[in-house]
Amino acid sequence: MGRPEAVAVVSSVLGWSYFAAWSLSFYPQIWLNYTRRSVIGLSFDYQLYNLLGYTCYSIYTCCLSFNRPIRHEYDHVFSSNLVTIQDCVFALHAVLA
């Protein structure tokens, strides 16, 4: 395994670890609200801003990953696209959590 391949493997492992850690961080609050059957102390403004932010982040990451004209234009200016599939999966999961 050459150096670029090793960097790609490390990047992938770190990307999925990031996805798992941040995704798991959403569930304690959801579980607490479910077991208490109450949302006392939960800020609906914060939830709304989170939804808006993760929706915009999802659009950004998915466009840079799956939209060819946008990806081509970005690659023309910056020479590489650092958005990975882990970023897209996390952003979409965050919108739903």
C-alpha atoms as a PDB file:
ATOM      1  CA  MET A   1       0.000   0.000   0.000  1.00  0.00           C
ATOM      2  CA  GLY A   2       1.548   3.274  -1.141  1.00  0.00           C
ATOM      3  CA  ARG A   3       1.392   6.573   0.671  1.00  0.00           C
ATOM      4  CA  PRO A   4      -1.653   7.995  -1.208  1.00  0.00           C
ATOM      5  CA  GLU A   5      -3.563   4.751  -0.572  1.00  0.00           C
ATOM      6  CA  ALA A   6      -2.687   4.837   3.133  1.00  0.00           C
ATOM      7  CA  VAL A   7      -3.837   8.435   3.394  1.00  0.00           C
ATOM      8  CA  ALA A   8      -7.118   7.503   1.684  1.00  0.00           C
ATOM      9  CA  VAL A   9      -7.681   4.614   4.127  1.00  0.00           C
ATOM     10  CA  VAL A  10      -6.913   6.786   7.169  1.00  0.00           C
ATOM     11  CA  SER A  11      -9.177   9.523   5.799  1.00  0.00           C
ATOM     12  CA  SER A  12     -12.014   7.040   5.285  1.00  0.00           C
ATOM     13  CA  VAL A  13     -11.638   5.533   8.767  1.00  0.00           C
ATOM     14  CA  LEU A  14     -11.565   8.987  10.361  1.00  0.00           C
ATOM     15  CA  GLY A  15     -14.543  10.094   8.254  1.00  0.00           C
ATOM     16  CA  TRP A  16     -16.713   7.167   9.338  1.00  0.00           C
ATOM     17  CA  SER A  17     -15.550   7.582  12.953  1.00  0.00           C
ATOM     18  CA  TYR A  18     -16.596  11.233  12.777  1.00  0.00           C
ATOM     19  CA  PHE A  19     -19.951  10.190  11.339  1.00  0.00           C
ATOM     20  CA  ALA A  20     -20.542   7.644  14.124  1.00  0.00           C
ATOM     21  CA  ALA A  21     -19.482   9.951  16.970  1.00  0.00           C
ATOM     22  CA  TRP A  22     -21.553  12.928  15.861  1.00  0.00           C
ATOM     23  CA  SER A  23     -24.534  10.791  14.904  1.00  0.00           C
ATOM     24  CA  LEU A  24     -24.575   9.039  18.269  1.00  0.00           C
ATOM     25  CA  SER A  25     -24.453  12.404  20.012  1.00  0.00           C
ATOM     26  CA  PHE A  26     -27.991  13.184  18.769  1.00  0.00           C
ATOM     27  CA  TYR A  27     -29.695  10.245  20.434  1.00  0.00           C
ATOM     28  CA  PRO A  28     -29.322  10.856  24.209  1.00  0.00           C
ATOM     29  CA  GLN A  29     -31.568  13.940  24.015  1.00  0.00           C
ATOM     30  CA  ILE A  30     -34.103  12.103  21.884  1.00  0.00           C
ATOM     31  CA  TRP A  31     -34.099   9.162  24.317  1.00  0.00           C
ATOM     32  CA  LEU A  32     -34.394  11.444  27.356  1.00  0.00           C
ATOM     33  CA  ASN A  33     -37.382  13.252  25.854  1.00  0.00           C
ATOM     34  CA  TYR A  34     -38.994   9.938  24.972  1.00  0.00           C
ATOM     35  CA  THR A  35     -38.529   8.378  28.418  1.00  0.00           C
ATOM     36  CA  ARG A  36     -39.682  11.545  30.244  1.00  0.00           C
ATOM     37  CA  ARG A  37     -42.490  11.985  27.717  1.00  0.00           C
ATOM     38  CA  SER A  38     -41.702  15.666  27.886  1.00  0.00           C
ATOM     39  CA  VAL A  39     -39.707  18.275  26.019  1.00  0.00           C
ATOM     40  CA  ILE A  40     -39.339  20.659  28.961  1.00  0.00           C
ATOM     41  CA  GLY A  41     -36.059  22.518  28.596  1.00  0.00           C
ATOM     42  CA  LEU A  42     -35.768  21.811  24.888  1.00  0.00           C
ATOM     43  CA  SER A  43     -35.407  24.980  22.854  1.00  0.00           C
ATOM     44  CA  PHE A  44     -37.567  24.845  19.745  1.00  0.00           C
ATOM     45  CA  ASP A  45     -35.622  27.777  18.263  1.00  0.00           C
ATOM     46  CA  TYR A  46     -32.422  25.745  18.595  1.00  0.00           C
ATOM     47  CA  GLN A  47     -34.094  22.762  16.909  1.00  0.00           C
ATOM     48  CA  LEU A  48     -35.325  24.970  14.089  1.00  0.00           C
ATOM     49  CA  TYR A  49     -31.860  26.466  13.545  1.00  0.00           C
ATOM     50  CA  ASN A  50     -30.353  22.968  13.602  1.00  0.00           C
ATOM     51  CA  LEU A  51     -32.836  21.793  10.992  1.00  0.00           C
ATOM     52  CA  LEU A  52     -32.119  24.810   8.789  1.00  0.00           C
ATOM     53  CA  GLY A  53     -28.355  24.469   9.200  1.00  0.00           C
ATOM     54  CA  TYR A  54     -28.223  20.744   8.482  1.00  0.00           C
ATOM     55  CA  THR A  55     -30.591  21.148   5.526  1.00  0.00           C
ATOM     56  CA  CYS A  56     -28.268  23.763   4.001  1.00  0.00           C
ATOM     57  CA  TYR A  57     -25.227  21.586   4.804  1.00  0.00           C
ATOM     58  CA  SER A  58     -26.948  18.605   3.136  1.00  0.00           C
ATOM     59  CA  ILE A  59     -27.645  20.613  -0.010  1.00  0.00           C
ATOM     60  CA  TYR A  60     -24.044  21.866  -0.094  1.00  0.00           C
ATOM     61  CA  THR A  61     -22.414  18.454   0.404  1.00  0.00           C
ATOM     62  CA  CYS A  62     -24.767  16.599  -1.928  1.00  0.00           C
ATOM     63  CA  CYS A  63     -24.325  19.187  -4.684  1.00  0.00           C
ATOM     64  CA  LEU A  64     -20.540  18.994  -4.398  1.00  0.00           C
ATOM     65  CA  SER A  65     -20.687  15.202  -4.462  1.00  0.00           C
ATOM     66  CA  PHE A  66     -23.406  14.362  -6.976  1.00  0.00           C
ATOM     67  CA  ASN A  67     -24.010  17.385  -9.234  1.00  0.00           C
ATOM     68  CA  ARG A  68     -21.545  17.150 -12.132  1.00  0.00           C
ATOM     69  CA  PRO A  69     -21.652  20.810 -13.294  1.00  0.00           C
ATOM     70  CA  ILE A  70     -21.122  22.119  -9.765  1.00  0.00           C
ATOM     71  CA  ARG A  71     -18.373  19.561  -9.082  1.00  0.00           C
ATOM     72  CA  HIS A  72     -16.645  20.424 -12.381  1.00  0.00           C
ATOM     73  CA  GLU A  73     -16.775  24.153 -11.665  1.00  0.00           C
ATOM     74  CA  TYR A  74     -15.456  23.631  -8.119  1.00  0.00           C
ATOM     75  CA  ASP A  75     -12.631  21.363  -9.361  1.00  0.00           C
ATOM     76  CA  HIS A  76     -11.702  23.959 -12.000  1.00  0.00           C
ATOM     77  CA  VAL A  77     -11.169  26.607  -9.298  1.00  0.00           C
ATOM     78  CA  PHE A  78      -9.772  24.558  -6.394  1.00  0.00           C
ATOM     79  CA  SER A  79      -8.287  21.472  -8.134  1.00  0.00           C
ATOM     80  CA  SER A  80      -9.785  18.973  -5.651  1.00  0.00           C
ATOM     81  CA  ASN A  81     -13.076  18.228  -3.970  1.00  0.00           C
ATOM     82  CA  LEU A  82     -12.656  17.359  -0.305  1.00  0.00           C
ATOM     83  CA  VAL A  83     -16.331  16.495   0.260  1.00  0.00           C
ATOM     84  CA  THR A  84     -16.696  12.745   0.793  1.00  0.00           C
ATOM     85  CA  ILE A  85     -19.620  10.361   0.970  1.00  0.00           C
ATOM     86  CA  GLN A  86     -19.303  10.404   4.783  1.00  0.00           C
ATOM     87  CA  ASP A  87     -20.100  14.122   4.756  1.00  0.00           C
ATOM     88  CA  CYS A  88     -23.249  13.531   2.689  1.00  0.00           C
ATOM     89  CA  VAL A  89     -24.444  10.619   4.831  1.00  0.00           C
ATOM     90  CA  PHE A  90     -23.866  12.566   8.052  1.00  0.00           C
ATOM     91  CA  ALA A  91     -25.623  15.694   6.790  1.00  0.00           C
ATOM     92  CA  LEU A  92     -28.668  13.775   5.601  1.00  0.00           C
ATOM     93  CA  HIS A  93     -28.787  11.765   8.835  1.00  0.00           C
ATOM     94  CA  ALA A  94     -28.542  14.956  10.901  1.00  0.00           C
ATOM     95  CA  VAL A  95     -31.575  16.419   9.117  1.00  0.00           C
ATOM     96  CA  LEU A  96     -33.593  13.355  10.077  1.00  0.00           C
ATOM     97  CA  ALA A  97     -32.384  13.012  13.699  1.00  0.00           C
END
